[in-house]
Amino acid sequence: MPDAGLIGPARGRLGPRRLYWRGALLLGVFLAGFVGLASGVEVSERELGDVSLWAKAYYTLGLFVVGGLDLGTPHGGPALGRALLWAAYFLAPLITASALIETALRILNPLALRARRLSGHVIVGGAGRLARLYVRRLRELDPEVAIVVVERDPNRPGVGELQAVYKTLVIIGDITSDGVFEAVGVARARRVMLLTGDDFANLDAAARIVSKAPRLRGRVVAHVSDLGFLRAVPRSTTHYETFNSLEYAAVDLVRERLLARFEDTVQIDVVILAGFGRFGQTVLDQLQAHANEHFGKVILIDTDARLNARTFAESPGFREGHELRVIEGHLRDLEVWQQVDEVARAEVGPPTIVVGTGDDGLNLQVALDLIRRYPDAHVTVRSFSDSPFSAEVAAQTGVSPFHLAELITNRMPSTWFE
């Protein structure tokens, strides 16, 4: 399998404006030849005196055939007719030749040639939701910049959107491959954003890029979704930037929403994290960093709650001063919430609940269950992007929605778009 293949939104078809002008030129040349023959102009290799207009139309079309239909030289008839026929003699073969050349270039993959000629472009690794967020924001700020997206999976749903909506050049290949580096013109790029779902691939590609193109030091950004892995990477020894998108979202969630909730309550709050995967762990890390004195008991719920709690204990780690309860089970399992009731029964006030799994539909269902079970609780529910349906339900039920896409985009540094 080759290192890279290229696909683009215009492959195999012309843009509307270019198609219009080519069609107009083709029709104009045909009419010039037909009018010349119909006006009474004769040709040296054909007898046209008694030939019908249909036959003359056929002879005109023959001018566009490869090699041309040999009609001979025009003579007789009006001068304008001869001029039009001579023009068709020269222009018809040129139109045919240009079409053949364009077809040959398409077969040879002109997108590859285009990619190799790019300079000052932005390279984005991955076609997932995070990559699309970045590309959308970049396109808003700089409509003209060339964007090359590298994605392993040609069937990934985001590929079509990146091509059709954001006019990117998509290369199917491995972002860590030297062949792909050459194909996308890394050495001539102005910035590289490594936003795939593979943390190691992002970091490995970043290290390779800055070693092969030292001028890009400080202009390569690698996403690391695992918070513990991110903290373990020795940033002082790298020449590229690393970040965690969930950390971006969690910072805003804690500072802008949960802190306000804590300040409005008299008691020390009970925090329930319904979903303790990567996002739930990141939220707890930010709570400990920015609101540690505002909450006491912490209840962690997840189908892999014990494993995830052990992982979190290693890095970033649980801080002292909080009573911790880990409950393993599905969020819609009634027995799980009966256990929560036993833990929270002794508390004075209603809990603060963050529903934050990676399943938007499940999150909303659980949030609606919880707002009925704990009517006075502050229930915050995660979704990736804004949903009119979810917003309508939230307004009627009192749950508080937050959208990762908005929080992540708002915290993307301006330097990433310069």
Protein backbone atom coordinates (compact mmCIF):
# COMPACT_ATOMS: atom_id res chain seq x y z
CA MET A 1 0.00 0.00 0.00
CA PRO A 2 1.46 3.42 -0.90
CA ASP A 3 2.26 5.96 1.76
CA ALA A 4 -0.22 8.51 0.54
CA GLY A 5 -3.06 9.05 -1.85
CA LEU A 6 -4.80 12.31 -2.59
CA ILE A 7 -8.43 13.19 -2.95
CA GLY A 8 -10.04 16.57 -3.44
CA PRO A 9 -13.47 18.13 -3.85
CA ALA A 10 -12.92 18.92 -7.52
CA ARG A 11 -11.45 15.66 -8.62
CA GLY A 12 -12.97 14.49 -11.89
CA ARG A 13 -15.12 17.57 -12.47
CA LEU A 14 -14.72 21.24 -13.28
CA GLY A 15 -15.88 24.10 -11.12
CA PRO A 16 -19.17 25.75 -12.21
CA ARG A 17 -17.57 28.95 -13.54
CA ARG A 18 -14.85 27.14 -15.44
CA LEU A 19 -17.39 24.69 -16.88
CA TYR A 20 -19.57 27.58 -18.04
CA TRP A 21 -16.73 29.32 -19.89
CA ARG A 22 -15.52 26.12 -21.51
CA GLY A 23 -19.03 25.32 -22.70
CA ALA A 24 -19.46 28.83 -24.06
CA LEU A 25 -16.17 28.63 -25.95
CA LEU A 26 -17.03 25.23 -27.39
CA LEU A 27 -20.44 26.47 -28.57
CA GLY A 28 -18.92 29.66 -29.99
CA VAL A 29 -16.33 27.78 -32.05
CA PHE A 30 -18.95 25.34 -33.34
CA LEU A 31 -21.24 28.19 -34.38
CA ALA A 32 -18.34 29.97 -36.11
CA GLY A 33 -17.57 26.88 -38.21
CA PHE A 34 -21.22 26.13 -38.95
CA VAL A 35 -22.07 29.70 -39.93
CA GLY A 36 -19.00 29.77 -42.19
CA LEU A 37 -20.09 26.63 -44.03
CA ALA A 38 -23.76 27.69 -44.13
CA SER A 39 -22.89 31.12 -45.57
CA GLY A 40 -21.77 29.57 -48.86
CA VAL A 41 -18.06 29.08 -48.26
CA GLU A 42 -16.68 26.12 -50.19
CA VAL A 43 -13.81 23.81 -49.19
CA SER A 44 -11.26 22.21 -51.46
CA GLU A 45 -11.84 18.57 -50.32
CA ARG A 46 -15.67 18.52 -50.27
CA GLU A 47 -18.51 19.49 -52.60
CA LEU A 48 -20.89 21.48 -50.44
CA GLY A 49 -23.21 22.96 -53.04
CA ASP A 50 -26.17 20.60 -52.47
CA VAL A 51 -25.22 19.45 -48.95
CA SER A 52 -27.90 19.91 -46.25
CA LEU A 53 -27.43 22.02 -43.12
CA TRP A 54 -27.36 18.80 -41.09
CA ALA A 55 -24.40 17.58 -43.11
CA LYS A 56 -22.64 20.91 -42.65
CA ALA A 57 -23.23 20.62 -38.89
CA TYR A 58 -21.67 17.15 -39.05
CA TYR A 59 -18.64 18.50 -40.93
CA THR A 60 -18.28 21.24 -38.28
CA LEU A 61 -18.30 18.69 -35.48
CA GLY A 62 -15.59 16.81 -37.37
CA LEU A 63 -13.25 19.74 -36.72
CA PHE A 64 -13.16 18.72 -33.03
CA VAL A 65 -12.16 15.10 -33.71
CA VAL A 66 -8.58 14.15 -32.88
CA GLY A 67 -6.66 14.50 -36.13
CA GLY A 68 -9.48 16.61 -37.57
CA LEU A 69 -11.87 15.96 -40.46
CA ASP A 70 -10.02 16.94 -43.64
CA LEU A 71 -12.26 19.46 -45.40
CA GLY A 72 -9.50 21.24 -47.26
CA THR A 73 -8.95 24.99 -47.43
CA PRO A 74 -11.90 27.41 -47.47
CA HIS A 75 -12.57 29.41 -50.66
CA GLY A 76 -15.36 31.41 -52.18
CA GLY A 77 -18.36 32.73 -50.32
CA PRO A 78 -18.39 35.87 -48.18
CA ALA A 79 -15.17 37.06 -46.56
CA LEU A 80 -16.75 36.97 -43.09
CA GLY A 81 -17.80 33.36 -43.63
CA ARG A 82 -14.25 32.37 -44.62
CA ALA A 83 -12.84 34.18 -41.57
CA LEU A 84 -15.24 32.36 -39.24
CA LEU A 85 -14.40 28.99 -40.79
CA TRP A 86 -10.64 29.64 -40.58
CA ALA A 87 -11.10 30.58 -36.88
CA ALA A 88 -12.92 27.30 -36.27
CA TYR A 89 -10.14 25.42 -38.11
CA PHE A 90 -7.57 26.74 -35.58
CA LEU A 91 -9.64 26.85 -32.36
CA ALA A 92 -11.42 23.48 -32.55
CA PRO A 93 -8.18 21.41 -32.39
CA LEU A 94 -6.92 23.60 -29.52
CA ILE A 95 -10.08 22.90 -27.50
CA THR A 96 -9.73 19.17 -28.14
CA ALA A 97 -6.04 19.20 -27.25
CA SER A 98 -6.65 21.11 -24.00
CA ALA A 99 -9.30 18.59 -22.97
CA LEU A 100 -6.92 15.71 -23.66
CA ILE A 101 -4.10 17.36 -21.71
CA GLU A 102 -6.38 18.03 -18.76
CA THR A 103 -7.56 14.43 -18.77
CA ALA A 104 -3.96 13.20 -18.83
CA LEU A 105 -3.06 15.46 -15.91
CA ARG A 106 -6.01 14.17 -13.92
CA ILE A 107 -4.87 10.62 -14.55
CA LEU A 108 -1.40 11.63 -13.33
CA ASN A 109 -3.05 13.11 -10.20
CA PRO A 110 -2.60 16.87 -10.39
CA LEU A 111 -3.44 17.16 -6.71
CA ALA A 112 -0.09 15.56 -5.94
CA LEU A 113 1.60 18.17 -8.11
CA ARG A 114 -0.39 20.88 -6.39
CA ALA A 115 0.59 19.64 -2.94
CA ARG A 116 4.27 19.62 -3.87
CA ARG A 117 4.05 23.23 -5.06
CA LEU A 118 2.38 24.55 -1.90
CA SER A 119 4.19 27.02 0.31
CA GLY A 120 3.07 28.88 3.43
CA HIS A 121 0.25 26.39 3.94
CA VAL A 122 -1.15 24.86 7.13
CA ILE A 123 -0.94 21.09 7.62
CA VAL A 124 -3.53 19.40 9.84
CA GLY A 125 -3.09 15.81 10.98
CA GLY A 126 -6.44 14.04 11.33
CA ALA A 127 -9.97 14.62 10.08
CA GLY A 128 -11.82 14.07 13.36
CA ARG A 129 -13.98 16.51 15.29
CA LEU A 130 -11.06 18.37 16.86
CA ALA A 131 -9.39 18.83 13.47
CA ARG A 132 -12.64 20.12 11.98
CA LEU A 133 -13.02 22.61 14.83
CA TYR A 134 -9.56 23.98 14.13
CA VAL A 135 -10.03 24.09 10.35
CA ARG A 136 -13.39 25.84 10.71
CA ARG A 137 -11.90 28.53 12.95
CA LEU A 138 -8.85 28.92 10.69
CA ARG A 139 -11.04 29.28 7.62
CA GLU A 140 -13.11 31.95 9.38
CA LEU A 141 -9.98 33.97 10.19
CA ASP A 142 -8.10 33.32 6.95
CA PRO A 143 -10.38 32.34 4.02
CA GLU A 144 -7.50 32.18 1.52
CA VAL A 145 -4.91 30.06 3.34
CA ALA A 146 -4.14 26.67 1.78
CA ILE A 147 -4.94 23.82 4.17
CA VAL A 148 -3.71 20.25 3.75
CA VAL A 149 -5.34 17.55 5.88
CA VAL A 150 -3.66 14.16 6.39
CA GLU A 151 -6.00 11.33 7.39
CA ARG A 152 -5.43 7.57 7.52
CA ASP A 153 -9.02 6.50 6.90
CA PRO A 154 -10.47 7.52 3.51
CA ASN A 155 -13.95 6.61 4.76
CA ARG A 156 -13.87 8.86 7.81
CA PRO A 157 -17.05 10.99 7.83
CA GLY A 158 -15.19 14.26 8.35
CA VAL A 159 -13.25 13.97 5.09
CA GLY A 160 -16.17 15.03 2.92
CA GLU A 161 -16.95 18.05 5.11
CA LEU A 162 -13.34 19.20 5.09
CA GLN A 163 -13.27 19.06 1.29
CA ALA A 164 -16.69 20.41 0.39
CA VAL A 165 -17.22 23.00 3.12
CA TYR A 166 -13.72 24.14 4.05
CA LYS A 167 -11.96 23.61 0.68
CA THR A 168 -9.04 21.64 2.05
CA LEU A 169 -6.71 19.33 0.17
CA VAL A 170 -6.98 15.87 1.76
CA ILE A 171 -4.15 13.34 1.66
CA ILE A 172 -4.87 9.78 2.73
CA GLY A 173 -1.81 8.50 4.56
CA ASP A 174 0.11 8.17 7.81
CA ILE A 175 1.13 11.49 9.33
CA THR A 176 4.31 9.89 10.72
CA SER A 177 5.48 8.72 7.28
CA ASP A 178 8.46 10.39 5.60
CA GLY A 179 6.69 9.91 2.27
CA VAL A 180 3.72 11.90 3.52
CA PHE A 181 6.03 14.63 4.85
CA GLU A 182 7.40 15.05 1.35
CA ALA A 183 3.97 14.87 -0.27
CA VAL A 184 2.52 17.65 1.89
CA GLY A 185 5.58 19.91 1.68
CA VAL A 186 6.31 20.03 5.42
CA ALA A 187 9.51 22.00 4.87
CA ARG A 188 7.51 24.81 3.21
CA ALA A 189 4.55 24.86 5.63
CA ARG A 190 3.88 27.74 7.99
CA ARG A 191 2.30 25.60 10.75
CA VAL A 192 1.54 21.95 11.54
CA MET A 193 -1.39 20.93 13.78
CA LEU A 194 -1.30 17.25 14.79
CA LEU A 195 -4.86 16.51 15.91
CA THR A 196 -5.36 12.80 15.30
CA GLY A 197 -6.87 10.52 17.95
CA ASP A 198 -3.53 8.71 18.40
CA ASP A 199 -1.45 10.48 21.06
CA PHE A 200 1.78 8.66 20.23
CA ALA A 201 1.38 9.30 16.49
CA ASN A 202 0.90 13.02 17.18
CA LEU A 203 3.99 13.25 19.37
CA ASP A 204 6.10 11.06 17.11
CA ALA A 205 5.13 13.12 14.05
CA ALA A 206 5.91 16.34 15.93
CA ALA A 207 9.39 15.12 16.86
CA ARG A 208 10.08 13.97 13.30
CA ILE A 209 8.88 17.22 11.79
CA VAL A 210 10.99 19.52 13.95
CA SER A 211 14.05 17.34 13.29
CA LYS A 212 13.52 17.40 9.51
CA ALA A 213 12.35 21.03 9.32
CA PRO A 214 14.00 23.00 12.17
CA ARG A 215 12.43 26.23 10.92
CA LEU A 216 9.09 24.88 12.19
CA ARG A 217 10.22 24.75 15.81
CA GLY A 218 7.57 26.48 17.89
CA ARG A 219 5.03 26.15 15.08
CA VAL A 220 4.14 22.49 15.54
CA VAL A 221 1.27 21.61 17.90
CA ALA A 222 0.49 18.06 19.05
CA HIS A 223 -2.74 17.04 20.76
CA VAL A 224 -2.48 14.55 23.64
CA SER A 225 -5.84 13.26 24.85
CA ASP A 226 -4.48 11.26 27.81
CA LEU A 227 -3.95 13.70 30.67
CA GLY A 228 -1.45 11.47 32.49
CA PHE A 229 0.56 10.97 29.31
CA LEU A 230 0.50 14.71 28.67
CA ARG A 231 1.86 15.47 32.13
CA ALA A 232 4.58 12.86 31.72
CA VAL A 233 5.98 14.35 28.48
CA PRO A 234 9.05 16.46 29.38
CA ARG A 235 8.06 19.71 27.70
CA SER A 236 11.39 21.39 28.39
CA THR A 237 13.12 19.04 25.95
CA THR A 238 10.68 19.51 23.05
CA HIS A 239 10.50 22.14 20.35
CA TYR A 240 6.79 21.72 19.76
CA GLU A 241 3.65 22.58 21.72
CA THR A 242 1.42 19.98 23.35
CA PHE A 243 -2.13 20.43 24.64
CA ASN A 244 -5.20 18.56 25.80
CA SER A 245 -8.51 19.74 24.31
CA LEU A 246 -10.53 18.31 27.19
CA GLU A 247 -8.39 20.29 29.61
CA TYR A 248 -9.26 23.43 27.64
CA ALA A 249 -12.96 22.66 28.03
CA ALA A 250 -12.67 21.64 31.69
CA VAL A 251 -10.89 24.88 32.63
CA ASP A 252 -13.77 26.98 31.30
CA LEU A 253 -16.39 24.66 32.79
CA VAL A 254 -14.89 24.92 36.27
CA ARG A 255 -13.99 28.61 36.22
CA GLU A 256 -17.05 29.97 34.45
CA ARG A 257 -19.80 27.63 35.70
CA LEU A 258 -19.01 25.40 38.66
CA LEU A 259 -17.23 28.05 40.71
CA ALA A 260 -20.29 30.28 40.44
CA ARG A 261 -22.43 27.37 41.67
CA PHE A 262 -20.12 26.75 44.64
CA GLU A 263 -20.12 30.41 45.61
CA ASP A 264 -23.93 30.47 45.64
CA THR A 265 -24.16 27.61 48.17
CA VAL A 266 -23.50 27.91 51.88
CA GLN A 267 -22.49 24.30 52.48
CA ILE A 268 -19.42 22.49 51.20
CA ASP A 269 -20.69 20.87 48.03
CA VAL A 270 -20.87 17.20 47.14
CA VAL A 271 -19.56 16.66 43.59
CA ILE A 272 -20.79 13.72 41.54
CA LEU A 273 -18.95 12.97 38.32
CA ALA A 274 -21.26 10.79 36.24
CA GLY A 275 -18.71 9.49 33.79
CA PHE A 276 -15.09 9.31 34.89
CA GLY A 277 -13.35 8.74 31.59
CA ARG A 278 -10.83 11.19 30.22
CA PHE A 279 -13.15 14.16 30.44
CA GLY A 280 -14.35 13.36 33.96
CA GLN A 281 -10.76 12.97 35.10
CA THR A 282 -9.85 16.30 33.55
CA VAL A 283 -12.79 18.01 35.27
CA LEU A 284 -11.72 16.63 38.66
CA ASP A 285 -8.14 17.78 38.02
CA GLN A 286 -9.37 21.31 37.32
CA LEU A 287 -11.70 21.26 40.32
CA GLN A 288 -8.76 20.37 42.53
CA ALA A 289 -6.68 23.12 40.94
CA HIS A 290 -9.23 25.96 41.00
CA ALA A 291 -11.97 25.09 43.50
CA ASN A 292 -10.40 22.67 45.95
CA GLU A 293 -11.76 24.38 49.05
CA HIS A 294 -15.33 24.59 47.71
CA PHE A 295 -16.21 20.89 47.66
CA GLY A 296 -15.83 17.98 50.04
CA LYS A 297 -17.20 14.58 49.12
CA VAL A 298 -16.51 13.30 45.60
CA ILE A 299 -18.48 10.45 44.01
CA LEU A 300 -17.08 8.92 40.84
CA ILE A 301 -19.35 6.78 38.63
CA ASP A 302 -18.33 4.90 35.50
CA THR A 303 -18.45 1.42 34.01
CA ASP A 304 -14.64 1.39 34.49
CA ALA A 305 -14.63 3.59 37.57
CA ARG A 306 -12.09 1.61 39.63
CA LEU A 307 -9.56 1.30 36.81
CA ASN A 308 -9.92 4.96 35.90
CA ALA A 309 -9.62 6.00 39.55
CA ARG A 310 -6.37 4.04 39.89
CA THR A 311 -5.06 5.68 36.72
CA PHE A 312 -5.99 9.13 38.02
CA ALA A 313 -4.36 8.37 41.37
CA GLU A 314 -1.04 7.85 39.59
CA SER A 315 -1.33 11.11 37.63
CA PRO A 316 -2.47 13.81 38.24
CA GLY A 317 -3.45 12.33 41.63
CA PHE A 318 -6.17 12.82 44.25
CA ARG A 319 -5.61 15.68 46.67
CA GLU A 320 -6.12 15.24 50.39
CA GLY A 321 -9.17 16.67 52.14
CA HIS A 322 -11.89 15.01 50.08
CA GLU A 323 -13.90 11.94 50.96
CA LEU A 324 -13.84 9.75 47.85
CA ARG A 325 -16.38 7.15 46.79
CA VAL A 326 -15.96 5.11 43.60
CA ILE A 327 -19.07 3.40 42.20
CA GLU A 328 -18.75 1.10 39.22
CA GLY A 329 -21.73 0.56 36.93
CA HIS A 330 -23.81 1.92 34.06
CA LEU A 331 -25.16 5.40 34.57
CA ARG A 332 -28.76 4.31 33.91
CA ASP A 333 -28.56 1.43 36.38
CA LEU A 334 -30.94 2.16 39.26
CA GLU A 335 -28.72 0.31 41.74
CA VAL A 336 -25.90 2.74 41.00
CA TRP A 337 -28.01 5.70 42.12
CA GLN A 338 -29.29 3.82 45.16
CA GLN A 339 -25.65 3.58 46.22
CA VAL A 340 -25.24 7.29 45.55
CA ASP A 341 -28.27 7.99 47.76
CA GLU A 342 -26.66 6.08 50.62
CA VAL A 343 -23.47 8.12 50.32
CA ALA A 344 -25.13 11.49 49.86
CA ARG A 345 -27.98 11.01 52.35
CA ALA A 346 -26.06 12.60 55.22
CA GLU A 347 -25.24 15.74 53.28
CA VAL A 348 -27.00 19.04 53.99
CA GLY A 349 -27.53 20.41 50.50
CA PRO A 350 -28.20 19.08 46.99
CA PRO A 351 -25.23 17.79 45.01
CA THR A 352 -23.44 19.28 42.03
CA ILE A 353 -23.51 16.71 39.22
CA VAL A 354 -21.48 16.72 36.02
CA VAL A 355 -22.71 14.22 33.40
CA GLY A 356 -19.75 13.88 31.08
CA THR A 357 -19.48 10.62 29.14
CA GLY A 358 -18.53 10.60 25.46
CA ASP A 359 -22.10 9.68 24.44
CA ASP A 360 -24.21 12.83 23.98
CA GLY A 361 -27.49 10.95 23.87
CA LEU A 362 -26.74 8.99 27.02
CA ASN A 363 -25.67 12.16 28.80
CA LEU A 364 -29.00 13.85 28.13
CA GLN A 365 -31.01 10.79 29.21
CA VAL A 366 -29.04 10.50 32.44
CA ALA A 367 -29.35 14.24 33.12
CA LEU A 368 -33.15 14.03 32.76
CA ASP A 369 -33.21 11.04 35.13
CA LEU A 370 -31.14 12.94 37.67
CA ILE A 371 -33.08 16.19 37.60
CA ARG A 372 -36.19 14.16 38.50
CA ARG A 373 -34.33 12.23 41.20
CA TYR A 374 -32.61 15.30 42.68
CA PRO A 375 -34.87 18.28 41.82
CA ASP A 376 -32.67 20.81 43.65
CA ALA A 377 -29.36 19.52 42.30
CA HIS A 378 -27.21 21.46 39.87
CA VAL A 379 -26.98 19.09 36.89
CA THR A 380 -24.48 20.01 34.19
CA VAL A 381 -24.59 17.90 31.03
CA ARG A 382 -21.93 17.58 28.36
CA SER A 383 -22.42 17.47 24.58
CA PHE A 384 -19.87 17.97 21.86
CA SER A 385 -21.75 20.61 19.88
CA ASP A 386 -24.85 22.73 20.26
CA SER A 387 -28.14 20.92 19.65
CA PRO A 388 -31.47 22.78 19.29
CA PHE A 389 -33.28 19.76 20.73
CA SER A 390 -30.97 19.56 23.76
CA ALA A 391 -31.24 23.31 24.31
CA GLU A 392 -35.05 23.12 24.26
CA VAL A 393 -35.08 20.22 26.72
CA ALA A 394 -32.57 21.96 28.99
CA ALA A 395 -34.64 25.15 29.08
CA GLN A 396 -37.73 23.20 30.14
CA THR A 397 -36.09 20.94 32.72
CA GLY A 398 -33.46 23.13 34.33
CA VAL A 399 -30.38 21.09 33.44
CA SER A 400 -27.33 23.15 32.48
CA PRO A 401 -25.78 22.15 29.14
CA PHE A 402 -22.24 22.88 28.02
CA HIS A 403 -20.68 22.26 24.62
CA LEU A 404 -17.12 21.04 24.21
CA ALA A 405 -16.80 22.51 20.73
CA GLU A 406 -17.51 26.01 22.00
CA LEU A 407 -15.26 25.73 25.05
CA ILE A 408 -12.37 24.23 23.08
CA THR A 409 -12.59 26.76 20.26
CA ASN A 410 -12.72 29.69 22.67
CA ARG A 411 -9.44 28.63 24.30
CA MET A 412 -7.46 27.98 21.12
CA PRO A 413 -4.55 30.48 21.22
CA SER A 414 -4.53 33.20 18.58
CA THR A 415 -0.96 32.20 17.66
CA TRP A 416 -2.32 29.00 16.14
CA PHE A 417 -3.98 31.04 13.42
CA GLU A 418 -1.23 33.53 12.64
